[in-house]
Amino acid sequence: MTDRYAVIGNPIAHSKSPVIHAAFARQTGQDLVYERILGPVDGFEGAVDAFRAAGGRGLNVTLPFKLEACAYATRLSDRAEAAGAVNTLKFEGADAFGDNTDGAGLVRDLQGNLGLALRGRRVLIAGAGGAAQGAIAPLLACGVADLVVANRTASRAEALAARFAARGPVRASSFEGLAALRFDLIINATAASLGGESPPLPTGVYQGCALAYEMMYGRGRTPFMQQALAAGAALVADGLGMLVEQAAEAFELWRGVRPDTAPVLALLRQET
């Protein structure tokens, strides 16, 4: 029987994951099908149980279910435990292994695709929600010199920085408190771009910035990207590369083979 995989979320029609995993399967000669599942907002566990009962081997998990997937898992990887969220589930019998490939995907995109070595860099993450949570530990593990988490509600940034303090040089700030600081890498992990806005960062933070990175993808040059370029950032990028790289991490977990991401990313770039 052909192995079944899927991505579950709500909404889900926009997801590029089926295209990505179909391309990975062709490239590596793996026999699988991959579909989208629109999960009921109040029925995640039931939807996953039904998928498993029908022979499902693994799931990618997107908004708004990453916390529920963490609770659903019977075992967690170290990186899922650190993030407090799961975006990949692997099923074997009664076991549901939960992983978080988002941070690893981000790091691979930054260093492999965009050529930004992270060791010794000064990094700003705008936002203190789930996207930021998954990124902090992998960035610290790369040896960044300084990682600042900034948020409109400073107390949320402070709580997040305190949670990861033992892993490396991470600290918190309000947006206003960034005015005198400079960074090599600025990551927009807020949802501001969904509303056609940019996080309220002081424009001075972009001076000398090597890369301004938008975690959203498929929206062209977002207000954040436009503001960054206008204020002095050398380069901007969206999160499409992160999407492909985190998918490759999940594919390897499921199938034991690592796909080549470059042709798949090139394919998606042509389509957007």
C-alpha atoms as a PDB file:
ATOM      1  CA  MET A   1       0.000   0.000   0.000  1.00  0.00           C
ATOM      2  CA  THR A   2       1.082   3.550  -0.726  1.00  0.00           C
ATOM      3  CA  ASP A   3       1.976   5.361   2.505  1.00  0.00           C
ATOM      4  CA  ARG A   4      -0.237   8.300   3.451  1.00  0.00           C
ATOM      5  CA  TYR A   5       0.876  11.671   4.771  1.00  0.00           C
ATOM      6  CA  ALA A   6      -0.856  15.026   5.073  1.00  0.00           C
ATOM      7  CA  VAL A   7      -0.765  18.558   6.396  1.00  0.00           C
ATOM      8  CA  ILE A   8      -3.482  19.583   8.838  1.00  0.00           C
ATOM      9  CA  GLY A   9      -4.506  23.150   9.592  1.00  0.00           C
ATOM     10  CA  ASN A  10      -7.350  25.663   9.442  1.00  0.00           C
ATOM     11  CA  PRO A  11      -7.310  27.290   6.932  1.00  0.00           C
ATOM     12  CA  ILE A  12      -5.344  24.891   4.730  1.00  0.00           C
ATOM     13  CA  ALA A  13      -6.264  25.433   1.047  1.00  0.00           C
ATOM     14  CA  HIS A  14      -3.272  27.769   0.569  1.00  0.00           C
ATOM     15  CA  SER A  15      -0.696  25.224   1.754  1.00  0.00           C
ATOM     16  CA  LYS A  16       2.188  24.444  -0.592  1.00  0.00           C
ATOM     17  CA  SER A  17       3.169  21.352   1.410  1.00  0.00           C
ATOM     18  CA  PRO A  18       1.511  18.842  -0.995  1.00  0.00           C
ATOM     19  CA  VAL A  19       3.506  20.277  -3.913  1.00  0.00           C
ATOM     20  CA  ILE A  20       6.731  20.185  -1.895  1.00  0.00           C
ATOM     21  CA  HIS A  21       6.347  16.622  -0.633  1.00  0.00           C
ATOM     22  CA  ALA A  22       5.209  15.298  -4.011  1.00  0.00           C
ATOM     23  CA  ALA A  23       8.402  16.749  -5.493  1.00  0.00           C
ATOM     24  CA  PHE A  24      10.504  15.221  -2.706  1.00  0.00           C
ATOM     25  CA  ALA A  25       8.856  11.821  -3.280  1.00  0.00           C
ATOM     26  CA  ARG A  26       9.539  11.892  -7.036  1.00  0.00           C
ATOM     27  CA  GLN A  27      13.123  12.940  -6.477  1.00  0.00           C
ATOM     28  CA  THR A  28      13.855  10.201  -3.917  1.00  0.00           C
ATOM     29  CA  GLY A  29      11.696   7.421  -5.400  1.00  0.00           C
ATOM     30  CA  GLN A  30       9.440   7.171  -2.354  1.00  0.00           C
ATOM     31  CA  ASP A  31       5.963   5.648  -2.699  1.00  0.00           C
ATOM     32  CA  LEU A  32       3.617   8.000  -0.850  1.00  0.00           C
ATOM     33  CA  VAL A  33       0.616  10.267  -1.193  1.00  0.00           C
ATOM     34  CA  TYR A  34       0.304  13.604   0.580  1.00  0.00           C
ATOM     35  CA  GLU A  35      -2.908  15.561   1.061  1.00  0.00           C
ATOM     36  CA  ARG A  36      -4.427  18.525   2.877  1.00  0.00           C
ATOM     37  CA  ILE A  37      -6.740  18.092   5.872  1.00  0.00           C
ATOM     38  CA  LEU A  38      -8.968  20.936   7.004  1.00  0.00           C
ATOM     39  CA  GLY A  39      -9.012  20.317  10.744  1.00  0.00           C
ATOM     40  CA  PRO A  40     -12.060  21.404  12.750  1.00  0.00           C
ATOM     41  CA  VAL A  41     -10.972  24.170  15.119  1.00  0.00           C
ATOM     42  CA  ASP A  42     -12.426  22.231  18.056  1.00  0.00           C
ATOM     43  CA  GLY A  43     -11.734  18.741  16.692  1.00  0.00           C
ATOM     44  CA  PHE A  44      -7.982  18.321  16.115  1.00  0.00           C
ATOM     45  CA  GLU A  45      -7.584  15.105  18.117  1.00  0.00           C
ATOM     46  CA  GLY A  46     -10.508  13.410  16.393  1.00  0.00           C
ATOM     47  CA  ALA A  47      -9.256  14.381  12.941  1.00  0.00           C
ATOM     48  CA  VAL A  48      -5.789  12.986  13.697  1.00  0.00           C
ATOM     49  CA  ASP A  49      -7.244   9.776  15.142  1.00  0.00           C
ATOM     50  CA  ALA A  50      -9.320   9.290  11.980  1.00  0.00           C
ATOM     51  CA  PHE A  51      -6.280   9.868   9.771  1.00  0.00           C
ATOM     52  CA  ARG A  52      -4.267   7.298  11.729  1.00  0.00           C
ATOM     53  CA  ALA A  53      -7.116   4.786  11.642  1.00  0.00           C
ATOM     54  CA  ALA A  54      -7.150   5.105   7.843  1.00  0.00           C
ATOM     55  CA  GLY A  55      -3.447   4.234   7.679  1.00  0.00           C
ATOM     56  CA  GLY A  56      -1.836   7.678   7.978  1.00  0.00           C
ATOM     57  CA  ARG A  57       1.884   7.538   8.731  1.00  0.00           C
ATOM     58  CA  GLY A  58       2.658  11.169   9.471  1.00  0.00           C
ATOM     59  CA  LEU A  59       1.362  14.725   9.585  1.00  0.00           C
ATOM     60  CA  ASN A  60       2.685  18.213   9.155  1.00  0.00           C
ATOM     61  CA  VAL A  61       0.830  20.528  11.517  1.00  0.00           C
ATOM     62  CA  THR A  62       0.199  24.210  10.873  1.00  0.00           C
ATOM     63  CA  LEU A  63      -1.886  26.948  12.508  1.00  0.00           C
ATOM     64  CA  PRO A  64      -3.776  26.805  14.773  1.00  0.00           C
ATOM     65  CA  PHE A  65      -2.883  23.281  15.937  1.00  0.00           C
ATOM     66  CA  LYS A  66       0.813  23.279  16.893  1.00  0.00           C
ATOM     67  CA  LEU A  67       0.156  23.428  20.629  1.00  0.00           C
ATOM     68  CA  GLU A  68      -2.514  20.726  20.416  1.00  0.00           C
ATOM     69  CA  ALA A  69      -0.125  18.560  18.417  1.00  0.00           C
ATOM     70  CA  CYS A  70       2.408  18.968  21.214  1.00  0.00           C
ATOM     71  CA  ALA A  71      -0.156  17.714  23.717  1.00  0.00           C
ATOM     72  CA  TYR A  72      -1.207  14.882  21.374  1.00  0.00           C
ATOM     73  CA  ALA A  73       2.308  13.464  20.955  1.00  0.00           C
ATOM     74  CA  THR A  74       3.329  10.514  23.137  1.00  0.00           C
ATOM     75  CA  ARG A  75       7.013  11.481  22.758  1.00  0.00           C
ATOM     76  CA  LEU A  76       8.744  14.753  21.899  1.00  0.00           C
ATOM     77  CA  SER A  77      12.085  15.567  20.292  1.00  0.00           C
ATOM     78  CA  ASP A  78      14.380  17.900  22.221  1.00  0.00           C
ATOM     79  CA  ARG A  79      13.648  20.713  19.793  1.00  0.00           C
ATOM     80  CA  ALA A  80       9.874  20.254  20.081  1.00  0.00           C
ATOM     81  CA  GLU A  81      10.179  20.307  23.849  1.00  0.00           C
ATOM     82  CA  ALA A  82      12.238  23.508  23.690  1.00  0.00           C
ATOM     83  CA  ALA A  83       9.774  25.173  21.302  1.00  0.00           C
ATOM     84  CA  GLY A  84       6.729  24.009  23.234  1.00  0.00           C
ATOM     85  CA  ALA A  85       5.068  23.301  19.892  1.00  0.00           C
ATOM     86  CA  VAL A  86       4.936  20.475  17.321  1.00  0.00           C
ATOM     87  CA  ASN A  87       4.747  20.895  13.542  1.00  0.00           C
ATOM     88  CA  THR A  88       5.525  17.263  12.583  1.00  0.00           C
ATOM     89  CA  LEU A  89       4.010  14.007  13.831  1.00  0.00           C
ATOM     90  CA  LYS A  90       5.248  10.503  12.995  1.00  0.00           C
ATOM     91  CA  PHE A  91       3.024   7.519  13.758  1.00  0.00           C
ATOM     92  CA  GLU A  92       4.231   3.986  14.492  1.00  0.00           C
ATOM     93  CA  GLY A  93       1.655   1.768  16.149  1.00  0.00           C
ATOM     94  CA  ALA A  94       0.453   3.495  19.299  1.00  0.00           C
ATOM     95  CA  ASP A  95       3.419   5.874  19.273  1.00  0.00           C
ATOM     96  CA  ALA A  96       3.001   9.467  18.089  1.00  0.00           C
ATOM     97  CA  PHE A  97       6.397  11.154  17.910  1.00  0.00           C
ATOM     98  CA  GLY A  98       6.283  14.950  17.887  1.00  0.00           C
ATOM     99  CA  ASP A  99       9.016  17.114  16.362  1.00  0.00           C
ATOM    100  CA  ASN A 100       9.475  20.787  15.516  1.00  0.00           C
ATOM    101  CA  THR A 101      11.369  21.354  12.272  1.00  0.00           C
ATOM    102  CA  ASP A 102      10.665  25.096  11.958  1.00  0.00           C
ATOM    103  CA  GLY A 103      13.830  26.360  13.641  1.00  0.00           C
ATOM    104  CA  ALA A 104      16.070  23.914  11.792  1.00  0.00           C
ATOM    105  CA  GLY A 105      14.402  24.966   8.531  1.00  0.00           C
ATOM    106  CA  LEU A 106      15.038  28.620   9.315  1.00  0.00           C
ATOM    107  CA  VAL A 107      18.721  28.011  10.087  1.00  0.00           C
ATOM    108  CA  ARG A 108      19.223  25.932   6.926  1.00  0.00           C
ATOM    109  CA  ASP A 109      17.617  28.651   4.821  1.00  0.00           C
ATOM    110  CA  LEU A 110      19.677  31.420   6.402  1.00  0.00           C
ATOM    111  CA  GLN A 111      23.022  29.637   6.215  1.00  0.00           C
ATOM    112  CA  GLY A 112      22.604  27.284   3.258  1.00  0.00           C
ATOM    113  CA  ASN A 113      20.368  29.154   0.827  1.00  0.00           C
ATOM    114  CA  LEU A 114      21.084  32.767   1.762  1.00  0.00           C
ATOM    115  CA  GLY A 115      24.740  32.373   2.746  1.00  0.00           C
ATOM    116  CA  LEU A 116      24.526  34.155   6.110  1.00  0.00           C
ATOM    117  CA  ALA A 117      26.870  32.513   8.626  1.00  0.00           C
ATOM    118  CA  LEU A 118      25.224  32.906  12.034  1.00  0.00           C
ATOM    119  CA  ARG A 119      28.146  32.502  14.430  1.00  0.00           C
ATOM    120  CA  GLY A 120      28.974  35.801  16.115  1.00  0.00           C
ATOM    121  CA  ARG A 121      25.990  37.645  14.602  1.00  0.00           C
ATOM    122  CA  ARG A 122      23.708  40.102  16.406  1.00  0.00           C
ATOM    123  CA  VAL A 123      20.125  38.947  15.873  1.00  0.00           C
ATOM    124  CA  LEU A 124      16.753  40.598  16.476  1.00  0.00           C
ATOM    125  CA  ILE A 125      13.513  38.621  16.497  1.00  0.00           C
ATOM    126  CA  ALA A 126      10.409  40.817  16.295  1.00  0.00           C
ATOM    127  CA  GLY A 127       7.519  39.001  17.963  1.00  0.00           C
ATOM    128  CA  ALA A 128       7.170  36.621  20.905  1.00  0.00           C
ATOM    129  CA  GLY A 129       4.593  34.111  19.654  1.00  0.00           C
ATOM    130  CA  GLY A 130       4.923  30.561  18.373  1.00  0.00           C
ATOM    131  CA  ALA A 131       7.080  31.462  15.357  1.00  0.00           C
ATOM    132  CA  ALA A 132       9.643  33.155  17.593  1.00  0.00           C
ATOM    133  CA  GLN A 133       9.489  30.306  20.120  1.00  0.00           C
ATOM    134  CA  GLY A 134      10.563  27.744  17.547  1.00  0.00           C
ATOM    135  CA  ALA A 135      13.463  29.859  16.270  1.00  0.00           C
ATOM    136  CA  ILE A 136      15.305  30.863  19.431  1.00  0.00           C
ATOM    137  CA  ALA A 137      16.991  27.589  20.481  1.00  0.00           C
ATOM    138  CA  PRO A 138      18.294  26.720  16.968  1.00  0.00           C
ATOM    139  CA  LEU A 139      19.681  30.254  16.513  1.00  0.00           C
ATOM    140  CA  LEU A 140      21.428  30.157  19.884  1.00  0.00           C
ATOM    141  CA  ALA A 141      22.866  26.739  19.025  1.00  0.00           C
ATOM    142  CA  CYS A 142      24.559  28.341  15.984  1.00  0.00           C
ATOM    143  CA  GLY A 143      26.630  30.565  18.260  1.00  0.00           C
ATOM    144  CA  VAL A 144      25.039  33.967  17.699  1.00  0.00           C
ATOM    145  CA  ALA A 145      26.693  36.701  19.759  1.00  0.00           C
ATOM    146  CA  ASP A 146      23.477  38.367  20.890  1.00  0.00           C
ATOM    147  CA  LEU A 147      19.803  37.563  20.386  1.00  0.00           C
ATOM    148  CA  VAL A 148      17.180  40.163  21.278  1.00  0.00           C
ATOM    149  CA  VAL A 149      13.474  39.296  21.385  1.00  0.00           C
ATOM    150  CA  ALA A 150      11.300  42.390  20.998  1.00  0.00           C
ATOM    151  CA  ASN A 151       7.542  42.567  21.309  1.00  0.00           C
ATOM    152  CA  ARG A 152       4.802  45.160  21.564  1.00  0.00           C
ATOM    153  CA  THR A 153       3.991  43.686  24.986  1.00  0.00           C
ATOM    154  CA  ALA A 154       7.469  43.655  26.520  1.00  0.00           C
ATOM    155  CA  SER A 155       6.490  41.234  29.305  1.00  0.00           C
ATOM    156  CA  ARG A 156       5.918  38.475  26.720  1.00  0.00           C
ATOM    157  CA  ALA A 157       9.395  39.034  25.299  1.00  0.00           C
ATOM    158  CA  GLU A 158      10.841  38.963  28.816  1.00  0.00           C
ATOM    159  CA  ALA A 159       9.131  35.654  29.593  1.00  0.00           C
ATOM    160  CA  LEU A 160      10.435  34.125  26.373  1.00  0.00           C
ATOM    161  CA  ALA A 161      13.996  35.354  26.926  1.00  0.00           C
ATOM    162  CA  ALA A 162      13.969  34.007  30.487  1.00  0.00           C
ATOM    163  CA  ARG A 163      12.804  30.611  29.236  1.00  0.00           C
ATOM    164  CA  PHE A 164      15.826  30.269  26.917  1.00  0.00           C
ATOM    165  CA  ALA A 165      18.409  32.109  29.068  1.00  0.00           C
ATOM    166  CA  ALA A 166      20.328  28.933  29.905  1.00  0.00           C
ATOM    167  CA  ARG A 167      20.871  28.203  26.198  1.00  0.00           C
ATOM    168  CA  GLY A 168      22.787  31.342  25.260  1.00  0.00           C
ATOM    169  CA  PRO A 169      22.914  35.144  25.093  1.00  0.00           C
ATOM    170  CA  VAL A 170      19.230  36.040  24.757  1.00  0.00           C
ATOM    171  CA  ARG A 171      17.525  39.127  26.171  1.00  0.00           C
ATOM    172  CA  ALA A 172      14.251  41.021  25.801  1.00  0.00           C
ATOM    173  CA  SER A 173      13.228  44.492  24.711  1.00  0.00           C
ATOM    174  CA  SER A 174      10.217  46.590  23.880  1.00  0.00           C
ATOM    175  CA  PHE A 175      10.105  47.902  20.310  1.00  0.00           C
ATOM    176  CA  GLU A 176      10.892  51.387  21.589  1.00  0.00           C
ATOM    177  CA  GLY A 177      13.916  50.101  23.488  1.00  0.00           C
ATOM    178  CA  LEU A 178      15.639  49.062  20.251  1.00  0.00           C
ATOM    179  CA  ALA A 179      16.362  52.614  19.072  1.00  0.00           C
ATOM    180  CA  ALA A 180      20.081  52.634  19.903  1.00  0.00           C
ATOM    181  CA  LEU A 181      20.759  49.012  18.881  1.00  0.00           C
ATOM    182  CA  ARG A 182      22.085  47.614  15.591  1.00  0.00           C
ATOM    183  CA  PHE A 183      21.742  44.087  14.209  1.00  0.00           C
ATOM    184  CA  ASP A 184      23.210  41.863  11.496  1.00  0.00           C
ATOM    185  CA  LEU A 185      19.984  39.860  11.110  1.00  0.00           C
ATOM    186  CA  ILE A 186      16.419  41.015  11.775  1.00  0.00           C
ATOM    187  CA  ILE A 187      13.636  38.406  11.676  1.00  0.00           C
ATOM    188  CA  ASN A 188       9.978  39.393  11.496  1.00  0.00           C
ATOM    189  CA  ALA A 189       8.149  36.690  13.443  1.00  0.00           C
ATOM    190  CA  THR A 190       5.019  38.817  13.979  1.00  0.00           C
ATOM    191  CA  ALA A 191       1.753  38.474  12.082  1.00  0.00           C
ATOM    192  CA  ALA A 192       1.867  42.147  11.016  1.00  0.00           C
ATOM    193  CA  SER A 193       2.298  41.268   7.337  1.00  0.00           C
ATOM    194  CA  LEU A 194      -1.042  39.441   7.333  1.00  0.00           C
ATOM    195  CA  GLY A 195      -2.652  42.837   7.874  1.00  0.00           C
ATOM    196  CA  GLY A 196      -0.437  44.625   5.362  1.00  0.00           C
ATOM    197  CA  GLU A 197       1.605  46.259   8.116  1.00  0.00           C
ATOM    198  CA  SER A 198       5.163  46.226   9.460  1.00  0.00           C
ATOM    199  CA  PRO A 199       6.134  45.749  13.112  1.00  0.00           C
ATOM    200  CA  PRO A 200       6.851  49.174  14.646  1.00  0.00           C
ATOM    201  CA  LEU A 201      10.630  48.896  14.714  1.00  0.00           C
ATOM    202  CA  PRO A 202      12.748  52.069  14.908  1.00  0.00           C
ATOM    203  CA  THR A 203      14.141  52.591  11.403  1.00  0.00           C
ATOM    204  CA  GLY A 204      17.661  52.938  12.796  1.00  0.00           C
ATOM    205  CA  VAL A 205      17.864  49.230  13.630  1.00  0.00           C
ATOM    206  CA  TYR A 206      18.144  48.430   9.911  1.00  0.00           C
ATOM    207  CA  GLN A 207      21.348  50.443   9.398  1.00  0.00           C
ATOM    208  CA  GLY A 208      24.167  47.996   8.639  1.00  0.00           C
ATOM    209  CA  CYS A 209      21.766  45.038   8.706  1.00  0.00           C
ATOM    210  CA  ALA A 210      23.002  42.240   6.419  1.00  0.00           C
ATOM    211  CA  LEU A 211      19.586  40.565   6.095  1.00  0.00           C
ATOM    212  CA  ALA A 212      15.991  41.377   7.021  1.00  0.00           C
ATOM    213  CA  TYR A 213      14.024  38.119   7.016  1.00  0.00           C
ATOM    214  CA  GLU A 214      10.241  37.888   6.692  1.00  0.00           C
ATOM    215  CA  MET A 215       8.884  34.580   8.008  1.00  0.00           C
ATOM    216  CA  MET A 216       5.732  34.975   5.885  1.00  0.00           C
ATOM    217  CA  TYR A 217       5.901  33.932   2.246  1.00  0.00           C
ATOM    218  CA  GLY A 218       3.882  34.362  -0.941  1.00  0.00           C
ATOM    219  CA  ARG A 219       3.030  38.005  -0.313  1.00  0.00           C
ATOM    220  CA  GLY A 220       5.667  39.683  -2.461  1.00  0.00           C
ATOM    221  CA  ARG A 221       7.661  42.417  -0.785  1.00  0.00           C
ATOM    222  CA  THR A 222       5.845  42.950   2.491  1.00  0.00           C
ATOM    223  CA  PRO A 223       5.799  46.328   4.287  1.00  0.00           C
ATOM    224  CA  PHE A 224       8.504  44.965   6.613  1.00  0.00           C
ATOM    225  CA  MET A 225      10.745  44.084   3.654  1.00  0.00           C
ATOM    226  CA  GLN A 226      10.106  47.428   1.984  1.00  0.00           C
ATOM    227  CA  GLN A 227      10.835  49.351   5.175  1.00  0.00           C
ATOM    228  CA  ALA A 228      14.024  47.367   5.771  1.00  0.00           C
ATOM    229  CA  LEU A 229      15.411  48.103   2.304  1.00  0.00           C
ATOM    230  CA  ALA A 230      14.498  51.781   2.525  1.00  0.00           C
ATOM    231  CA  ALA A 231      16.177  52.088   5.935  1.00  0.00           C
ATOM    232  CA  GLY A 232      19.479  50.462   4.979  1.00  0.00           C
ATOM    233  CA  ALA A 233      19.216  46.659   5.067  1.00  0.00           C
ATOM    234  CA  ALA A 234      21.524  45.089   2.483  1.00  0.00           C
ATOM    235  CA  LEU A 235      19.221  42.171   1.627  1.00  0.00           C
ATOM    236  CA  VAL A 236      15.661  41.002   2.298  1.00  0.00           C
ATOM    237  CA  ALA A 237      14.129  37.533   1.999  1.00  0.00           C
ATOM    238  CA  ASP A 238      10.790  35.881   2.678  1.00  0.00           C
ATOM    239  CA  GLY A 239      10.130  32.556   4.415  1.00  0.00           C
ATOM    240  CA  LEU A 240       9.629  30.326   1.363  1.00  0.00           C
ATOM    241  CA  GLY A 241      13.069  28.798   1.804  1.00  0.00           C
ATOM    242  CA  MET A 242      12.292  28.090   5.453  1.00  0.00           C
ATOM    243  CA  LEU A 243       9.072  26.351   4.379  1.00  0.00           C
ATOM    244  CA  VAL A 244      10.939  24.040   1.998  1.00  0.00           C
ATOM    245  CA  GLU A 245      13.769  23.343   4.435  1.00  0.00           C
ATOM    246  CA  GLN A 246      11.490  22.502   7.360  1.00  0.00           C
ATOM    247  CA  ALA A 247       9.548  20.191   5.019  1.00  0.00           C
ATOM    248  CA  ALA A 248      12.792  18.411   4.109  1.00  0.00           C
ATOM    249  CA  GLU A 249      13.477  17.871   7.826  1.00  0.00           C
ATOM    250  CA  ALA A 250      10.042  16.272   8.205  1.00  0.00           C
ATOM    251  CA  PHE A 251      10.477  14.150   5.066  1.00  0.00           C
ATOM    252  CA  GLU A 252      13.783  12.795   6.364  1.00  0.00           C
ATOM    253  CA  LEU A 253      12.190  11.976   9.726  1.00  0.00           C
ATOM    254  CA  TRP A 254       9.400  10.041   8.001  1.00  0.00           C
ATOM    255  CA  ARG A 255      11.318   8.345   5.172  1.00  0.00           C
ATOM    256  CA  GLY A 256      14.945   8.187   6.316  1.00  0.00           C
ATOM    257  CA  VAL A 257      16.234   9.989   3.215  1.00  0.00           C
ATOM    258  CA  ARG A 258      17.145  13.653   2.814  1.00  0.00           C
ATOM    259  CA  PRO A 259      15.780  15.323  -0.351  1.00  0.00           C
ATOM    260  CA  ASP A 260      17.627  18.014  -2.299  1.00  0.00           C
ATOM    261  CA  THR A 261      15.773  21.237  -1.541  1.00  0.00           C
ATOM    262  CA  ALA A 262      17.351  23.485  -4.200  1.00  0.00           C
ATOM    263  CA  PRO A 263      15.287  22.331  -7.229  1.00  0.00           C
ATOM    264  CA  VAL A 264      12.058  22.330  -5.190  1.00  0.00           C
ATOM    265  CA  LEU A 265      12.669  25.864  -3.937  1.00  0.00           C
ATOM    266  CA  ALA A 266      13.464  26.971  -7.495  1.00  0.00           C
ATOM    267  CA  LEU A 267      10.209  25.407  -8.693  1.00  0.00           C
ATOM    268  CA  LEU A 268       8.177  27.268  -6.069  1.00  0.00           C
ATOM    269  CA  ARG A 269       9.942  30.548  -6.812  1.00  0.00           C
ATOM    270  CA  GLN A 270       8.873  30.212 -10.447  1.00  0.00           C
ATOM    271  CA  GLU A 271       5.253  29.720  -9.399  1.00  0.00           C
ATOM    272  CA  THR A 272       5.068  32.711  -7.039  1.00  0.00           C
END
